[in-house]
Amino acid sequence: MSLTAPLAALGRTVLSALALIGRVALYALATVSHLFRPPFYGREFLHALVQIGWLSLPVVGLTALFTGGALALQIYAGGSRFNAESVVPSIVAIGMARELGPVLGGLMVAARVASSIAAEIGTMKVTEQIDALVTLSTHPMKYLTLPRVLAATLAVPVLVAVGDSIGIMGGYLVGITRLEFNAAAYLKNTADFLELWDVVSGLIKGAVFGFIVATMGCFYGMQSGRGAQGVGRATKSAVVAASVLILAANYILTELFFSA
């Protein structure tokens, strides 16, 4: 075996990854560019809004509820080592609004929505429905991608806001029932320490995460191979890519918002 073979394999992997990043970036830019050009398919947008927003509410709400409760327990257990149990309300509120609400909400939506979009569009490609759209002079990106991306970008911040509220309520319920906090004092500490920017930064993250989720689902659906295996690979790749990009984008946005 040649000594350069491992380096050649590494080089091919890096070039392939860079090419994929380039294709995703161009796809995202093309999606944004279609936002300002008619026609706009309002019915598809409303359908996507219901599928992504309303039907994702139960899983996001349950995730936030249990996360807020577990967070309160963990903060109380850690704070008790330093006689700082009183920080539980403020840390739960800030943690949910800044980080856990947007990230966990985004990951839950990625698991549910990115896989659904990739499977749907991948199946349409396999059954040649996308070719039929082109034959009917309907641009697939305007009809399939743009409504889903726009709906996710608008719906996920709303889901994040609801998830933040439910998560804080979960911490409140655990605080007053298990940790023996005074209900009025708990709510006062939450309101005193939670700032507007904490909430707004989480909503901005939610919009970015929604864009990522829908874009990855549409991109990998469009890139799906033929047959059931191709659709399965596209679905798996969409969820993995969306999840990794959400975590990476979360770090970048946190650095931009709170590094000072």
Protein backbone atom coordinates (compact mmCIF):
# COMPACT_ATOMS: atom_id res chain seq x y z
CA MET A 1 0.00 0.00 0.00
CA SER A 2 1.29 3.43 -0.89
CA LEU A 3 2.23 5.69 2.02
CA THR A 4 0.20 8.48 0.45
CA ALA A 5 -3.02 6.45 0.34
CA PRO A 6 -4.26 7.56 3.81
CA LEU A 7 -3.54 11.18 2.93
CA ALA A 8 -5.35 10.80 -0.38
CA ALA A 9 -8.38 9.31 1.40
CA LEU A 10 -8.33 12.15 3.91
CA GLY A 11 -8.09 14.68 1.11
CA ARG A 12 -11.05 13.15 -0.71
CA THR A 13 -13.11 13.24 2.48
CA VAL A 14 -12.27 16.89 3.12
CA LEU A 15 -13.00 17.90 -0.48
CA SER A 16 -16.29 16.01 -0.38
CA ALA A 17 -17.28 17.76 2.86
CA LEU A 18 -16.37 21.17 1.45
CA ALA A 19 -18.35 20.46 -1.72
CA LEU A 20 -21.37 19.47 0.37
CA ILE A 21 -21.10 22.67 2.44
CA GLY A 22 -20.96 24.66 -0.79
CA ARG A 23 -24.05 22.93 -2.22
CA VAL A 24 -26.00 23.51 0.99
CA ALA A 25 -24.98 27.19 1.08
CA LEU A 26 -26.00 27.72 -2.55
CA TYR A 27 -29.29 25.94 -1.91
CA ALA A 28 -30.01 28.16 1.09
CA LEU A 29 -29.17 31.30 -0.89
CA ALA A 30 -31.39 30.19 -3.76
CA THR A 31 -34.23 29.58 -1.30
CA VAL A 32 -33.90 33.09 0.15
CA SER A 33 -33.73 34.62 -3.34
CA HIS A 34 -37.07 33.03 -4.29
CA LEU A 35 -38.71 34.80 -1.35
CA PHE A 36 -38.75 38.05 -3.33
CA ARG A 37 -39.98 36.62 -6.63
CA PRO A 38 -43.56 35.60 -7.46
CA PRO A 39 -45.53 33.40 -7.43
CA PHE A 40 -46.08 32.58 -3.76
CA TYR A 41 -48.05 29.45 -2.83
CA GLY A 42 -50.04 30.53 0.21
CA ARG A 43 -51.91 27.26 0.59
CA GLU A 44 -48.67 25.29 0.81
CA PHE A 45 -47.33 27.81 3.32
CA LEU A 46 -50.38 27.48 5.59
CA HIS A 47 -50.25 23.70 5.37
CA ALA A 48 -46.56 23.73 6.31
CA LEU A 49 -47.27 26.19 9.14
CA VAL A 50 -49.78 23.78 10.67
CA GLN A 51 -47.55 20.74 10.19
CA ILE A 52 -44.42 22.39 11.58
CA GLY A 53 -45.88 24.70 14.21
CA TRP A 54 -49.16 23.45 15.60
CA LEU A 55 -48.44 19.71 15.39
CA SER A 56 -44.99 20.13 16.97
CA LEU A 57 -46.43 21.87 20.01
CA PRO A 58 -47.10 18.74 22.13
CA VAL A 59 -43.58 17.31 21.85
CA VAL A 60 -41.94 20.71 22.42
CA GLY A 61 -44.20 21.43 25.38
CA LEU A 62 -43.58 18.09 27.09
CA THR A 63 -39.83 18.36 26.49
CA ALA A 64 -39.75 21.86 28.01
CA LEU A 65 -41.91 20.86 30.98
CA PHE A 66 -39.70 17.99 32.08
CA THR A 67 -36.52 19.90 31.28
CA GLY A 68 -37.58 22.82 33.47
CA GLY A 69 -38.42 20.49 36.33
CA ALA A 70 -35.17 18.54 36.06
CA LEU A 71 -33.20 21.79 35.79
CA ALA A 72 -34.73 23.08 39.03
CA LEU A 73 -33.79 19.87 40.83
CA GLN A 74 -30.21 19.95 39.55
CA ILE A 75 -29.67 23.63 40.33
CA TYR A 76 -31.07 23.16 43.83
CA ALA A 77 -28.80 20.16 44.43
CA GLY A 78 -25.74 22.09 43.22
CA GLY A 79 -26.65 25.33 44.93
CA SER A 80 -27.18 23.63 48.27
CA ARG A 81 -23.44 22.89 48.39
CA PHE A 82 -22.79 26.64 48.55
CA ASN A 83 -25.93 27.73 50.44
CA ALA A 84 -27.22 29.27 47.20
CA GLU A 85 -30.56 27.51 46.83
CA SER A 86 -32.28 30.85 46.23
CA VAL A 87 -30.80 31.10 42.72
CA VAL A 88 -33.05 28.29 41.43
CA PRO A 89 -35.84 30.52 40.00
CA SER A 90 -33.52 32.94 38.21
CA ILE A 91 -31.21 30.26 36.76
CA VAL A 92 -34.13 28.15 35.56
CA ALA A 93 -35.66 31.14 33.80
CA ILE A 94 -32.41 32.35 32.23
CA GLY A 95 -31.32 28.85 31.25
CA MET A 96 -34.62 28.05 29.58
CA ALA A 97 -34.89 31.38 27.76
CA ARG A 98 -31.30 31.60 26.56
CA GLU A 99 -30.26 28.02 25.87
CA LEU A 100 -32.40 25.03 26.75
CA GLY A 101 -35.66 26.34 25.30
CA PRO A 102 -34.28 27.19 21.85
CA VAL A 103 -31.84 24.27 21.59
CA LEU A 104 -34.10 21.49 22.82
CA GLY A 105 -37.04 22.93 20.92
CA GLY A 106 -34.93 23.09 17.77
CA LEU A 107 -33.69 19.52 18.21
CA MET A 108 -37.23 18.20 18.78
CA VAL A 109 -38.45 20.02 15.68
CA ALA A 110 -35.44 18.68 13.74
CA ALA A 111 -36.27 15.12 14.78
CA ARG A 112 -39.90 15.51 13.79
CA VAL A 113 -39.89 17.98 10.90
CA ALA A 114 -36.57 17.48 9.08
CA SER A 115 -37.21 13.75 8.80
CA SER A 116 -40.79 14.32 7.65
CA ILE A 117 -39.83 16.89 5.01
CA ALA A 118 -36.93 14.80 3.70
CA ALA A 119 -39.08 11.67 3.49
CA GLU A 120 -41.93 13.52 1.79
CA ILE A 121 -39.82 15.27 -0.82
CA GLY A 122 -37.60 12.21 -1.30
CA THR A 123 -40.69 10.09 -2.01
CA MET A 124 -41.94 12.71 -4.44
CA LYS A 125 -38.60 12.53 -6.24
CA VAL A 126 -38.64 8.73 -6.36
CA THR A 127 -42.19 8.68 -7.74
CA GLU A 128 -41.28 11.43 -10.27
CA GLN A 129 -43.79 13.91 -8.86
CA ILE A 130 -41.10 16.61 -8.87
CA ASP A 131 -40.55 15.97 -12.58
CA ALA A 132 -44.30 16.39 -13.03
CA LEU A 133 -44.14 19.77 -11.29
CA VAL A 134 -41.43 20.90 -13.71
CA THR A 135 -43.54 19.67 -16.62
CA LEU A 136 -46.40 21.83 -15.33
CA SER A 137 -44.07 24.86 -15.23
CA THR A 138 -44.03 24.89 -11.41
CA HIS A 139 -40.65 25.58 -9.85
CA PRO A 140 -40.00 22.84 -7.24
CA MET A 141 -38.07 25.19 -5.00
CA LYS A 142 -40.88 27.75 -4.90
CA TYR A 143 -43.59 25.14 -4.44
CA LEU A 144 -41.85 22.71 -2.07
CA THR A 145 -38.90 24.42 -0.39
CA LEU A 146 -39.82 28.06 0.14
CA PRO A 147 -43.18 27.52 1.93
CA ARG A 148 -41.62 24.99 4.32
CA VAL A 149 -38.55 27.08 5.07
CA LEU A 150 -40.60 30.24 5.63
CA ALA A 151 -43.11 28.40 7.80
CA ALA A 152 -40.37 26.85 9.96
CA THR A 153 -38.55 30.16 10.32
CA LEU A 154 -41.73 31.79 11.61
CA ALA A 155 -43.14 28.88 13.62
CA VAL A 156 -40.11 27.73 15.61
CA PRO A 157 -39.69 31.07 17.50
CA VAL A 158 -43.32 30.76 18.59
CA LEU A 159 -42.66 27.18 19.71
CA VAL A 160 -39.59 28.41 21.59
CA ALA A 161 -41.63 31.10 23.36
CA VAL A 162 -44.27 28.55 24.38
CA GLY A 163 -41.55 26.09 25.41
CA ASP A 164 -39.83 28.73 27.54
CA SER A 165 -43.07 29.46 29.36
CA ILE A 166 -43.85 25.80 29.93
CA GLY A 167 -40.26 25.08 31.02
CA ILE A 168 -40.29 27.91 33.55
CA MET A 169 -43.67 26.63 34.76
CA GLY A 170 -42.15 23.16 35.15
CA GLY A 171 -39.40 24.61 37.33
CA TYR A 172 -42.02 26.55 39.29
CA LEU A 173 -44.11 23.44 39.95
CA VAL A 174 -41.09 21.47 41.12
CA GLY A 175 -39.90 24.43 43.19
CA ILE A 176 -43.10 24.88 45.16
CA THR A 177 -44.05 21.18 45.47
CA ARG A 178 -40.71 19.43 45.92
CA LEU A 179 -38.26 22.12 47.01
CA GLU A 180 -40.60 24.04 49.33
CA PHE A 181 -40.20 27.47 47.73
CA ASN A 182 -42.74 30.15 48.44
CA ALA A 183 -44.86 30.53 45.29
CA ALA A 184 -44.92 34.35 45.32
CA ALA A 185 -41.19 34.62 46.06
CA TYR A 186 -40.39 32.16 43.26
CA LEU A 187 -42.35 34.17 40.70
CA LYS A 188 -40.83 37.44 41.94
CA ASN A 189 -37.27 36.12 41.57
CA THR A 190 -38.08 34.87 38.09
CA ALA A 191 -39.47 38.25 37.00
CA ASP A 192 -36.69 40.27 38.65
CA PHE A 193 -33.77 38.42 37.04
CA LEU A 194 -35.16 37.58 33.60
CA GLU A 195 -34.39 40.38 31.13
CA LEU A 196 -35.99 41.13 27.78
CA TRP A 197 -32.80 40.33 25.86
CA ASP A 198 -32.72 36.85 27.39
CA VAL A 199 -36.06 36.13 25.76
CA VAL A 200 -35.36 37.93 22.47
CA SER A 201 -32.02 36.17 21.96
CA GLY A 202 -33.78 32.82 22.35
CA LEU A 203 -36.42 33.79 19.79
CA ILE A 204 -33.71 34.82 17.31
CA LYS A 205 -32.05 31.46 17.84
CA GLY A 206 -35.39 29.79 17.23
CA ALA A 207 -35.78 31.53 13.86
CA VAL A 208 -32.27 30.46 12.80
CA PHE A 209 -32.88 26.89 13.96
CA GLY A 210 -36.18 26.74 12.09
CA PHE A 211 -34.47 27.89 8.90
CA ILE A 212 -31.78 25.23 9.37
CA VAL A 213 -34.27 22.43 10.02
CA ALA A 214 -36.45 23.09 6.99
CA THR A 215 -33.51 23.79 4.68
CA MET A 216 -31.80 20.52 5.62
CA GLY A 217 -35.01 18.57 5.20
CA CYS A 218 -35.68 20.05 1.75
CA PHE A 219 -32.05 19.81 0.60
CA TYR A 220 -31.60 16.16 1.46
CA GLY A 221 -35.07 15.34 0.16
CA MET A 222 -34.14 16.87 -3.19
CA GLN A 223 -30.83 14.97 -3.14
CA SER A 224 -32.51 11.65 -2.33
CA GLY A 225 -31.42 8.59 -4.26
CA ARG A 226 -33.82 6.26 -6.01
CA GLY A 227 -35.69 3.64 -4.06
CA ALA A 228 -36.59 3.13 -0.41
CA GLN A 229 -32.94 3.03 0.67
CA GLY A 230 -32.28 6.42 -0.93
CA VAL A 231 -35.22 7.98 0.89
CA GLY A 232 -34.08 6.39 4.16
CA ARG A 233 -30.55 7.76 3.77
CA ALA A 234 -31.90 11.20 2.92
CA THR A 235 -34.09 11.20 6.04
CA LYS A 236 -31.23 10.12 8.29
CA SER A 237 -28.83 12.66 6.77
CA ALA A 238 -31.36 15.48 7.15
CA VAL A 239 -31.87 14.85 10.87
CA VAL A 240 -28.15 14.44 11.60
CA ALA A 241 -27.15 17.52 9.61
CA ALA A 242 -29.92 19.67 11.13
CA SER A 243 -29.03 18.59 14.67
CA VAL A 244 -25.31 19.23 14.25
CA LEU A 245 -25.89 22.59 12.59
CA ILE A 246 -28.31 23.64 15.35
CA LEU A 247 -25.66 22.95 18.01
CA ALA A 248 -22.97 24.73 15.98
CA ALA A 249 -25.22 27.71 15.26
CA ASN A 250 -26.18 27.87 18.93
CA TYR A 251 -22.55 28.28 19.95
CA ILE A 252 -21.92 30.95 17.30
CA LEU A 253 -25.04 32.92 18.26
CA THR A 254 -24.25 32.61 21.97
CA GLU A 255 -20.76 33.94 21.28
CA LEU A 256 -22.23 36.88 19.36
CA PHE A 257 -24.94 37.68 21.90
CA PHE A 258 -23.23 37.11 25.23
CA SER A 259 -19.44 37.05 24.74
CA ALA A 260 -19.11 40.56 26.18
